[in-house]
Amino acid sequence: MSDTQKPSLGRIVLVPMPPAANNGADVAAAVITRVFDDEQINVRILADSTASPQEWRTSLTYADELAYDPEDKSTLYRWTWPTRV
């Protein structure tokens, strides 16, 4: 994990998302709702879809890169920082 960033309540992170529930994209923004430590958090997902309500995910673990895998549900429980631009 980056030494310069630490998760805190209200910060935006990225999470993997099934493309069908996110207007074709496999990554969505999420707001941190609870921090357990520097690597484990809970989030509320902000999907790009009117068909999908804001989803809650718990106990997500930090990953350097996200890769949604429909065969591996554990990939839904990872998060990473957005790229700085």
Protein backbone atom coordinates (compact mmCIF):
# COMPACT_ATOMS: atom_id res chain seq x y z
CA MET A 1 0.00 0.00 0.00
CA SER A 2 1.09 3.55 -0.62
CA ASP A 3 2.74 5.16 2.40
CA THR A 4 1.18 8.53 1.58
CA GLN A 5 -2.48 7.54 1.58
CA LYS A 6 -4.49 6.08 4.43
CA PRO A 7 -8.16 5.14 4.29
CA SER A 8 -10.50 7.37 6.29
CA LEU A 9 -14.24 7.86 6.58
CA GLY A 10 -15.73 9.53 3.50
CA ARG A 11 -12.80 9.03 1.12
CA ILE A 12 -13.40 7.68 -2.38
CA VAL A 13 -11.88 4.36 -3.45
CA LEU A 14 -12.37 1.99 -6.41
CA VAL A 15 -13.94 -1.46 -6.22
CA PRO A 16 -14.53 -4.23 -8.79
CA MET A 17 -18.08 -4.43 -10.09
CA PRO A 18 -20.03 -6.77 -12.36
CA PRO A 19 -20.29 -4.85 -15.67
CA ALA A 20 -24.00 -5.70 -16.02
CA ALA A 21 -24.71 -3.78 -12.80
CA ASN A 22 -22.45 -0.84 -13.68
CA ASN A 23 -23.29 0.33 -17.22
CA GLY A 24 -20.64 -1.96 -18.72
CA ALA A 25 -17.71 -0.89 -16.49
CA ASP A 26 -15.95 -3.42 -14.27
CA VAL A 27 -14.80 -0.81 -11.70
CA ALA A 28 -16.94 1.57 -9.63
CA ALA A 29 -16.34 4.38 -7.16
CA ALA A 30 -17.18 3.74 -3.51
CA VAL A 31 -17.28 5.83 -0.34
CA ILE A 32 -15.51 4.49 2.74
CA THR A 33 -18.05 4.00 5.55
CA ARG A 34 -15.78 2.30 8.09
CA VAL A 35 -12.04 1.77 8.49
CA PHE A 36 -10.67 -1.24 10.35
CA ASP A 37 -7.00 -0.64 9.51
CA ASP A 38 -4.85 0.56 6.59
CA GLU A 39 -5.98 -2.35 4.42
CA GLN A 40 -9.52 -3.36 5.47
CA ILE A 41 -12.61 -1.17 5.05
CA ASN A 42 -16.39 -1.13 4.48
CA VAL A 43 -17.85 0.85 1.57
CA ARG A 44 -21.03 2.09 -0.08
CA ILE A 45 -20.75 1.63 -3.86
CA LEU A 46 -21.79 4.35 -6.28
CA ALA A 47 -22.66 2.26 -9.34
CA ASP A 48 -23.26 3.86 -12.74
CA SER A 49 -26.76 2.42 -13.03
CA THR A 50 -30.29 3.40 -12.11
CA ALA A 51 -31.26 -0.29 -11.93
CA SER A 52 -28.85 -1.01 -9.09
CA PRO A 53 -29.26 0.69 -5.70
CA GLN A 54 -26.17 1.78 -3.83
CA GLU A 55 -24.64 -1.46 -2.70
CA TRP A 56 -22.98 -1.97 0.66
CA ARG A 57 -19.85 -4.16 0.88
CA THR A 58 -18.06 -5.10 4.08
CA SER A 59 -14.56 -6.24 4.95
CA LEU A 60 -12.86 -5.30 1.69
CA THR A 61 -9.08 -5.80 1.53
CA TYR A 62 -6.64 -3.49 -0.25
CA ALA A 63 -5.19 -4.67 -3.58
CA ASP A 64 -2.66 -2.92 -5.81
CA GLU A 65 -4.81 -3.73 -8.85
CA LEU A 66 -8.44 -4.70 -9.31
CA ALA A 67 -9.64 -7.45 -11.60
CA TYR A 68 -13.29 -8.48 -11.57
CA ASP A 69 -13.65 -12.24 -12.10
CA PRO A 70 -17.24 -13.55 -12.34
CA GLU A 71 -15.97 -17.02 -11.38
CA ASP A 72 -14.26 -15.77 -8.20
CA LYS A 73 -16.63 -13.85 -5.89
CA SER A 74 -13.70 -12.94 -3.60
CA THR A 75 -12.61 -10.39 -6.22
CA LEU A 76 -15.64 -8.31 -5.20
CA TYR A 77 -14.09 -7.81 -1.76
CA ARG A 78 -11.05 -5.80 -2.82
CA TRP A 79 -10.43 -2.08 -3.12
CA THR A 80 -7.74 0.27 -4.39
CA TRP A 81 -7.02 3.98 -4.65
CA PRO A 82 -8.02 5.93 -7.78
CA THR A 83 -5.14 6.95 -10.02
CA ARG A 84 -3.92 10.47 -9.27
CA VAL A 85 -4.17 12.79 -12.25
